[in-house]
C-alpha cells in the first residue's frame, strides 16, 4: 500500500456545498484546484500523447508517441506516465504544439462550467486561485485559457531539456502538490478542490478540502 492509498477518502462533495464555500471566501483568500476532471472533463496530459500520435503528427514524428503504451505505463507508474507526457510536449516547438493542442482540447476537453464560473467570480472579488496539475504546464495553461478562467496562476509539470532532460521539483503529483505550493512561497490554501486519490494530499493540506465527483462522471 502506498502512502497515497493510505490516505482516507472523504465523501464526494455536493455541488451546492462547493459553491457555497467558494462564495463565502473573502478577498485575499486562496483556492488551489486540480485541473483534469476537476476543472474540466478530460485529461490534457492524455491529449498531448493522443495528439502526438495522430496524423499529420507535426511538430512530432510519427513514432514519437503510442497512446496504448502510454496508458500501459500509467497503469504501472502514474508518475512516469506524467513525465513522459511532459517531456513529449517539451521536445517540440511550443507554438506549433499549442496550435495542434488547441483543436484537440477544444473538441475533447469540456470545462465544468459551474465550477469555472464560480472560480472566475471569486477571482473578480479578490480571491487568489492557483490551478495545480500533474499534466504538462503548457497544456494546463491552454486548458485554463480555453475554459476562460482569467487571472488564475498555473502550476503544472515542467520539463527542461537542457543541459539534459529534467523536471522542475517538486513534481506537482500527489504529495508533491502541497510541496510545490510551499516551494513557490504560496500560503496554505483556504480551500482546495480535486477529484482523484492523487489530489488527496492537496485536500488534506488545505483548511477546507472538497473531493469532487470526476467531471467525466457528472451529468
C-alpha atoms as a PDB file:
ATOM      1  CA  UNK A   1       0.000   0.000   0.000  1.00  0.00           C
ATOM      2  CA  UNK A   2       1.407   3.399  -0.957  1.00  0.00           C
ATOM      3  CA  UNK A   3       1.120   6.490   1.209  1.00  0.00           C
ATOM      4  CA  UNK A   4      -1.433   7.909  -1.245  1.00  0.00           C
ATOM      5  CA  UNK A   5      -3.545   4.800  -0.928  1.00  0.00           C
ATOM      6  CA  UNK A   6      -3.339   5.017   2.868  1.00  0.00           C
ATOM      7  CA  UNK A   7      -4.981   8.431   2.973  1.00  0.00           C
ATOM      8  CA  UNK A   8      -8.646   8.372   3.988  1.00  0.00           C
ATOM      9  CA  UNK A   9     -11.035   9.175   1.169  1.00  0.00           C
ATOM     10  CA  UNK A  10     -13.695  11.730   2.067  1.00  0.00           C
ATOM     11  CA  UNK A  11     -17.240  11.660   0.772  1.00  0.00           C
ATOM     12  CA  UNK A  12     -17.759  13.201  -2.624  1.00  0.00           C
ATOM     13  CA  UNK A  13     -18.734  16.850  -2.235  1.00  0.00           C
ATOM     14  CA  UNK A  14     -22.088  18.137  -3.379  1.00  0.00           C
ATOM     15  CA  UNK A  15     -22.144  20.965  -5.877  1.00  0.00           C
ATOM     16  CA  UNK A  16     -24.211  23.233  -3.614  1.00  0.00           C
ATOM     17  CA  UNK A  17     -21.713  22.870  -0.753  1.00  0.00           C
ATOM     18  CA  UNK A  18     -18.765  23.651  -3.019  1.00  0.00           C
ATOM     19  CA  UNK A  19     -20.438  26.710  -4.491  1.00  0.00           C
ATOM     20  CA  UNK A  20     -21.386  27.974  -1.034  1.00  0.00           C
ATOM     21  CA  UNK A  21     -17.848  27.513   0.292  1.00  0.00           C
ATOM     22  CA  UNK A  22     -16.325  29.362  -2.667  1.00  0.00           C
ATOM     23  CA  UNK A  23     -18.859  32.185  -2.403  1.00  0.00           C
ATOM     24  CA  UNK A  24     -18.072  32.691   1.298  1.00  0.00           C
ATOM     25  CA  UNK A  25     -14.331  33.192   0.812  1.00  0.00           C
ATOM     26  CA  UNK A  26     -13.267  36.816   1.325  1.00  0.00           C
ATOM     27  CA  UNK A  27     -10.850  38.829  -0.791  1.00  0.00           C
ATOM     28  CA  UNK A  28      -7.292  37.715  -0.166  1.00  0.00           C
ATOM     29  CA  UNK A  29      -8.226  34.064   0.428  1.00  0.00           C
ATOM     30  CA  UNK A  30      -6.563  31.281  -1.564  1.00  0.00           C
ATOM     31  CA  UNK A  31      -8.072  28.427  -3.588  1.00  0.00           C
ATOM     32  CA  UNK A  32      -5.982  25.581  -5.003  1.00  0.00           C
ATOM     33  CA  UNK A  33      -7.653  23.364  -7.569  1.00  0.00           C
ATOM     34  CA  UNK A  34      -6.697  20.348  -9.617  1.00  0.00           C
ATOM     35  CA  UNK A  35      -7.332  20.618 -13.363  1.00  0.00           C
ATOM     36  CA  UNK A  36      -8.055  17.311 -15.121  1.00  0.00           C
ATOM     37  CA  UNK A  37     -11.548  16.019 -14.299  1.00  0.00           C
ATOM     38  CA  UNK A  38     -11.889  18.763 -11.696  1.00  0.00           C
ATOM     39  CA  UNK A  39     -11.987  21.968 -13.739  1.00  0.00           C
ATOM     40  CA  UNK A  40     -12.898  20.074 -16.878  1.00  0.00           C
ATOM     41  CA  UNK A  41     -13.881  16.676 -18.186  1.00  0.00           C
ATOM     42  CA  UNK A  42     -10.833  15.103 -19.751  1.00  0.00           C
ATOM     43  CA  UNK A  43      -7.083  14.986 -19.229  1.00  0.00           C
ATOM     44  CA  UNK A  44      -4.843  17.420 -21.084  1.00  0.00           C
ATOM     45  CA  UNK A  45      -1.777  15.239 -20.458  1.00  0.00           C
ATOM     46  CA  UNK A  46      -3.510  12.361 -22.242  1.00  0.00           C
ATOM     47  CA  UNK A  47      -4.399  14.745 -25.068  1.00  0.00           C
ATOM     48  CA  UNK A  48      -0.725  15.627 -25.587  1.00  0.00           C
ATOM     49  CA  UNK A  49       0.042  11.962 -26.277  1.00  0.00           C
ATOM     50  CA  UNK A  50      -3.110  11.398 -28.337  1.00  0.00           C
ATOM     51  CA  UNK A  51      -2.352  14.457 -30.479  1.00  0.00           C
ATOM     52  CA  UNK A  52       1.293  13.475 -30.989  1.00  0.00           C
ATOM     53  CA  UNK A  53       0.321  10.048 -32.399  1.00  0.00           C
ATOM     54  CA  UNK A  54      -2.378  11.472 -34.692  1.00  0.00           C
ATOM     55  CA  UNK A  55      -1.659  12.429 -38.312  1.00  0.00           C
ATOM     56  CA  UNK A  56      -0.422  14.871 -39.505  1.00  0.00           C
ATOM     57  CA  UNK A  57       1.885  14.316 -36.450  1.00  0.00           C
ATOM     58  CA  UNK A  58       3.940  17.525 -36.824  1.00  0.00           C
ATOM     59  CA  UNK A  59       5.564  19.001 -34.835  1.00  0.00           C
ATOM     60  CA  UNK A  60       6.123  15.453 -33.561  1.00  0.00           C
ATOM     61  CA  UNK A  61       7.340  12.484 -35.598  1.00  0.00           C
ATOM     62  CA  UNK A  62       5.067   9.591 -36.464  1.00  0.00           C
ATOM     63  CA  UNK A  63       6.722   7.245 -33.969  1.00  0.00           C
ATOM     64  CA  UNK A  64       7.131   9.662 -31.051  1.00  0.00           C
ATOM     65  CA  UNK A  65       4.022   8.541 -29.198  1.00  0.00           C
ATOM     66  CA  UNK A  66       1.901   5.439 -28.711  1.00  0.00           C
ATOM     67  CA  UNK A  67      -1.259   6.114 -26.704  1.00  0.00           C
ATOM     68  CA  UNK A  68      -1.790   2.463 -25.736  1.00  0.00           C
ATOM     69  CA  UNK A  69       1.804   2.169 -24.484  1.00  0.00           C
ATOM     70  CA  UNK A  70       1.377   5.425 -22.570  1.00  0.00           C
ATOM     71  CA  UNK A  71      -1.755   4.172 -20.812  1.00  0.00           C
ATOM     72  CA  UNK A  72       0.040   0.910 -20.005  1.00  0.00           C
ATOM     73  CA  UNK A  73       2.876   2.940 -18.471  1.00  0.00           C
ATOM     74  CA  UNK A  74       0.381   4.964 -16.444  1.00  0.00           C
ATOM     75  CA  UNK A  75      -1.006   1.719 -15.016  1.00  0.00           C
ATOM     76  CA  UNK A  76       2.471   0.694 -13.871  1.00  0.00           C
ATOM     77  CA  UNK A  77       3.742   4.121 -12.765  1.00  0.00           C
ATOM     78  CA  UNK A  78       1.463   7.127 -12.876  1.00  0.00           C
ATOM     79  CA  UNK A  79       4.390   9.447 -12.193  1.00  0.00           C
ATOM     80  CA  UNK A  80       6.450   8.085 -15.086  1.00  0.00           C
ATOM     81  CA  UNK A  81       3.456   8.445 -17.386  1.00  0.00           C
ATOM     82  CA  UNK A  82       3.128  12.077 -16.368  1.00  0.00           C
ATOM     83  CA  UNK A  83       6.829  12.602 -17.003  1.00  0.00           C
ATOM     84  CA  UNK A  84       6.516  11.045 -20.469  1.00  0.00           C
ATOM     85  CA  UNK A  85       3.705  13.409 -21.474  1.00  0.00           C
ATOM     86  CA  UNK A  86       5.583  16.481 -20.216  1.00  0.00           C
ATOM     87  CA  UNK A  87       8.811  15.520 -21.985  1.00  0.00           C
ATOM     88  CA  UNK A  88       6.911  14.726 -25.181  1.00  0.00           C
ATOM     89  CA  UNK A  89       5.461  18.232 -25.170  1.00  0.00           C
ATOM     90  CA  UNK A  90       8.755  19.905 -24.255  1.00  0.00           C
ATOM     91  CA  UNK A  91      10.552  18.136 -27.109  1.00  0.00           C
ATOM     92  CA  UNK A  92       8.897  20.185 -29.878  1.00  0.00           C
ATOM     93  CA  UNK A  93       8.271  23.804 -30.781  1.00  0.00           C
ATOM     94  CA  UNK A  94       5.918  25.286 -28.187  1.00  0.00           C
ATOM     95  CA  UNK A  95       3.906  27.394 -30.621  1.00  0.00           C
ATOM     96  CA  UNK A  96       3.353  24.556 -33.079  1.00  0.00           C
ATOM     97  CA  UNK A  97       2.379  22.191 -30.278  1.00  0.00           C
ATOM     98  CA  UNK A  98      -0.076  24.705 -28.834  1.00  0.00           C
ATOM     99  CA  UNK A  99      -1.734  25.100 -32.240  1.00  0.00           C
ATOM    100  CA  UNK A 100      -2.247  21.333 -32.524  1.00  0.00           C
ATOM    101  CA  UNK A 101      -3.422  21.016 -28.930  1.00  0.00           C
ATOM    102  CA  UNK A 102      -5.829  23.945 -29.286  1.00  0.00           C
ATOM    103  CA  UNK A 103      -8.013  21.929 -31.648  1.00  0.00           C
ATOM    104  CA  UNK A 104      -7.736  18.741 -29.574  1.00  0.00           C
ATOM    105  CA  UNK A 105      -8.611  20.400 -26.283  1.00  0.00           C
ATOM    106  CA  UNK A 106     -11.392  22.456 -27.836  1.00  0.00           C
ATOM    107  CA  UNK A 107     -13.108  19.299 -29.091  1.00  0.00           C
ATOM    108  CA  UNK A 108     -12.409  16.800 -26.293  1.00  0.00           C
ATOM    109  CA  UNK A 109     -11.876  18.737 -23.042  1.00  0.00           C
ATOM    110  CA  UNK A 110     -15.114  20.164 -21.650  1.00  0.00           C
ATOM    111  CA  UNK A 111     -14.992  22.797 -18.873  1.00  0.00           C
ATOM    112  CA  UNK A 112     -17.079  22.133 -15.757  1.00  0.00           C
ATOM    113  CA  UNK A 113     -18.916  25.382 -16.300  1.00  0.00           C
ATOM    114  CA  UNK A 114     -20.487  25.810 -12.865  1.00  0.00           C
ATOM    115  CA  UNK A 115     -17.091  25.496 -11.179  1.00  0.00           C
ATOM    116  CA  UNK A 116     -15.155  27.647 -13.635  1.00  0.00           C
ATOM    117  CA  UNK A 117     -17.781  30.380 -13.337  1.00  0.00           C
ATOM    118  CA  UNK A 118     -17.668  30.237  -9.522  1.00  0.00           C
ATOM    119  CA  UNK A 119     -13.874  30.499  -9.515  1.00  0.00           C
ATOM    120  CA  UNK A 120     -13.960  33.378 -12.000  1.00  0.00           C
ATOM    121  CA  UNK A 121     -16.411  35.232  -9.757  1.00  0.00           C
ATOM    122  CA  UNK A 122     -14.119  34.582  -6.790  1.00  0.00           C
ATOM    123  CA  UNK A 123     -11.126  35.996  -8.670  1.00  0.00           C
ATOM    124  CA  UNK A 124     -13.199  39.077  -9.546  1.00  0.00           C
ATOM    125  CA  UNK A 125     -13.749  39.817  -5.852  1.00  0.00           C
ATOM    126  CA  UNK A 126     -10.100  39.378  -4.926  1.00  0.00           C
ATOM    127  CA  UNK A 127      -9.711  35.665  -4.143  1.00  0.00           C
ATOM    128  CA  UNK A 128      -6.473  34.082  -5.413  1.00  0.00           C
ATOM    129  CA  UNK A 129      -6.787  30.889  -7.458  1.00  0.00           C
ATOM    130  CA  UNK A 130      -3.952  28.522  -8.307  1.00  0.00           C
ATOM    131  CA  UNK A 131      -4.530  25.614 -10.680  1.00  0.00           C
ATOM    132  CA  UNK A 132      -2.106  22.790  -9.858  1.00  0.00           C
ATOM    133  CA  UNK A 133      -1.863  19.708 -12.046  1.00  0.00           C
ATOM    134  CA  UNK A 134       0.302  16.687 -12.834  1.00  0.00           C
ATOM    135  CA  UNK A 135      -0.228  17.370 -16.542  1.00  0.00           C
ATOM    136  CA  UNK A 136       2.332  19.362 -18.591  1.00  0.00           C
ATOM    137  CA  UNK A 137       2.278  23.026 -17.619  1.00  0.00           C
ATOM    138  CA  UNK A 138       1.749  24.426 -21.161  1.00  0.00           C
ATOM    139  CA  UNK A 139      -1.183  22.065 -21.740  1.00  0.00           C
ATOM    140  CA  UNK A 140      -2.760  23.001 -18.407  1.00  0.00           C
ATOM    141  CA  UNK A 141      -2.321  26.690 -19.213  1.00  0.00           C
ATOM    142  CA  UNK A 142      -4.029  26.168 -22.566  1.00  0.00           C
ATOM    143  CA  UNK A 143      -6.887  24.325 -20.863  1.00  0.00           C
ATOM    144  CA  UNK A 144      -7.305  27.176 -18.388  1.00  0.00           C
ATOM    145  CA  UNK A 145      -7.258  29.713 -21.233  1.00  0.00           C
ATOM    146  CA  UNK A 146      -9.848  27.789 -23.232  1.00  0.00           C
ATOM    147  CA  UNK A 147     -12.057  27.449 -20.151  1.00  0.00           C
ATOM    148  CA  UNK A 148     -11.970  31.241 -19.778  1.00  0.00           C
ATOM    149  CA  UNK A 149     -10.527  31.218 -16.269  1.00  0.00           C
ATOM    150  CA  UNK A 150      -8.733  34.558 -16.327  1.00  0.00           C
ATOM    151  CA  UNK A 151      -6.300  35.535 -13.585  1.00  0.00           C
ATOM    152  CA  UNK A 152      -5.518  32.101 -12.150  1.00  0.00           C
ATOM    153  CA  UNK A 153      -1.932  31.053 -11.510  1.00  0.00           C
ATOM    154  CA  UNK A 154      -0.988  27.727 -13.135  1.00  0.00           C
ATOM    155  CA  UNK A 155       1.405  25.111 -11.775  1.00  0.00           C
ATOM    156  CA  UNK A 156       1.964  22.071 -13.960  1.00  0.00           C
ATOM    157  CA  UNK A 157       4.659  19.523 -14.638  1.00  0.00           C
ATOM    158  CA  UNK A 158       7.599  21.348 -16.249  1.00  0.00           C
ATOM    159  CA  UNK A 159      10.237  19.527 -18.284  1.00  0.00           C
ATOM    160  CA  UNK A 160      13.531  21.203 -19.231  1.00  0.00           C
ATOM    161  CA  UNK A 161      15.678  19.678 -21.980  1.00  0.00           C
ATOM    162  CA  UNK A 162      18.999  21.363 -21.208  1.00  0.00           C
ATOM    163  CA  UNK A 163      21.636  20.567 -20.125  1.00  0.00           C
ATOM    164  CA  UNK A 164      19.841  17.190 -20.003  1.00  0.00           C
ATOM    165  CA  UNK A 165      16.135  16.347 -19.706  1.00  0.00           C
ATOM    166  CA  UNK A 166      14.990  17.088 -16.170  1.00  0.00           C
ATOM    167  CA  UNK A 167      11.858  18.174 -14.330  1.00  0.00           C
ATOM    168  CA  UNK A 168      11.205  21.085 -12.017  1.00  0.00           C
ATOM    169  CA  UNK A 169      10.980  19.755  -8.474  1.00  0.00           C
ATOM    170  CA  UNK A 170       8.916  19.128  -6.513  1.00  0.00           C
ATOM    171  CA  UNK A 171       6.731  17.440  -9.096  1.00  0.00           C
ATOM    172  CA  UNK A 172       3.100  18.585  -8.629  1.00  0.00           C
ATOM    173  CA  UNK A 173       1.893  14.996  -8.254  1.00  0.00           C
ATOM    174  CA  UNK A 174       0.339  13.529  -5.117  1.00  0.00           C
ATOM    175  CA  UNK A 175       2.250  14.753  -2.068  1.00  0.00           C
ATOM    176  CA  UNK A 176       4.205  16.956  -4.468  1.00  0.00           C
ATOM    177  CA  UNK A 177       1.169  19.220  -4.906  1.00  0.00           C
ATOM    178  CA  UNK A 178       1.333  20.779  -1.427  1.00  0.00           C
ATOM    179  CA  UNK A 179       5.134  20.652  -1.650  1.00  0.00           C
ATOM    180  CA  UNK A 180       5.072  22.623  -4.917  1.00  0.00           C
ATOM    181  CA  UNK A 181       2.760  25.213  -3.369  1.00  0.00           C
ATOM    182  CA  UNK A 182       5.085  25.616  -0.394  1.00  0.00           C
ATOM    183  CA  UNK A 183       8.198  25.730  -2.610  1.00  0.00           C
ATOM    184  CA  UNK A 184       6.722  28.657  -4.534  1.00  0.00           C
ATOM    185  CA  UNK A 185       6.119  30.583  -1.335  1.00  0.00           C
ATOM    186  CA  UNK A 186       2.340  30.395  -1.643  1.00  0.00           C
ATOM    187  CA  UNK A 187       0.226  30.220   1.518  1.00  0.00           C
ATOM    188  CA  UNK A 188      -1.722  27.229   2.712  1.00  0.00           C
ATOM    189  CA  UNK A 189      -4.924  27.202   0.634  1.00  0.00           C
ATOM    190  CA  UNK A 190      -8.118  28.155   2.399  1.00  0.00           C
ATOM    191  CA  UNK A 191      -9.964  25.798   0.062  1.00  0.00           C
ATOM    192  CA  UNK A 192      -8.782  23.017  -2.244  1.00  0.00           C
ATOM    193  CA  UNK A 193     -10.570  21.047  -4.944  1.00  0.00           C
ATOM    194  CA  UNK A 194      -9.730  17.723  -6.539  1.00  0.00           C
ATOM    195  CA  UNK A 195     -11.289  14.554  -7.894  1.00  0.00           C
ATOM    196  CA  UNK A 196      -8.769  11.694  -7.668  1.00  0.00           C
ATOM    197  CA  UNK A 197      -6.753   9.980  -4.955  1.00  0.00           C
ATOM    198  CA  UNK A 198      -3.696  11.853  -6.261  1.00  0.00           C
ATOM    199  CA  UNK A 199      -5.404  15.068  -5.094  1.00  0.00           C
ATOM    200  CA  UNK A 200      -5.951  13.864  -1.511  1.00  0.00           C
ATOM    201  CA  UNK A 201      -2.638  15.293  -0.183  1.00  0.00           C
ATOM    202  CA  UNK A 202      -3.672  18.698  -1.527  1.00  0.00           C
ATOM    203  CA  UNK A 203      -7.107  18.428   0.065  1.00  0.00           C
ATOM    204  CA  UNK A 204      -5.593  17.436   3.419  1.00  0.00           C
ATOM    205  CA  UNK A 205      -3.117  20.327   3.196  1.00  0.00           C
ATOM    206  CA  UNK A 206      -5.853  22.955   2.765  1.00  0.00           C
ATOM    207  CA  UNK A 207      -8.032  24.343   5.525  1.00  0.00           C
ATOM    208  CA  UNK A 208     -11.061  23.020   3.615  1.00  0.00           C
ATOM    209  CA  UNK A 209     -10.865  20.288   1.006  1.00  0.00           C
ATOM    210  CA  UNK A 210     -13.618  19.150  -1.351  1.00  0.00           C
ATOM    211  CA  UNK A 211     -13.340  15.845  -3.212  1.00  0.00           C
ATOM    212  CA  UNK A 212     -15.486  16.244  -6.304  1.00  0.00           C
ATOM    213  CA  UNK A 213     -17.095  13.631  -8.476  1.00  0.00           C
ATOM    214  CA  UNK A 214     -14.869  13.424 -11.580  1.00  0.00           C
ATOM    215  CA  UNK A 215     -16.198  15.796 -14.205  1.00  0.00           C
ATOM    216  CA  UNK A 216     -16.377  12.955 -16.721  1.00  0.00           C
ATOM    217  CA  UNK A 217     -18.889  11.215 -14.417  1.00  0.00           C
ATOM    218  CA  UNK A 218     -21.000  14.270 -13.656  1.00  0.00           C
ATOM    219  CA  UNK A 219     -24.312  14.569 -15.517  1.00  0.00           C
END
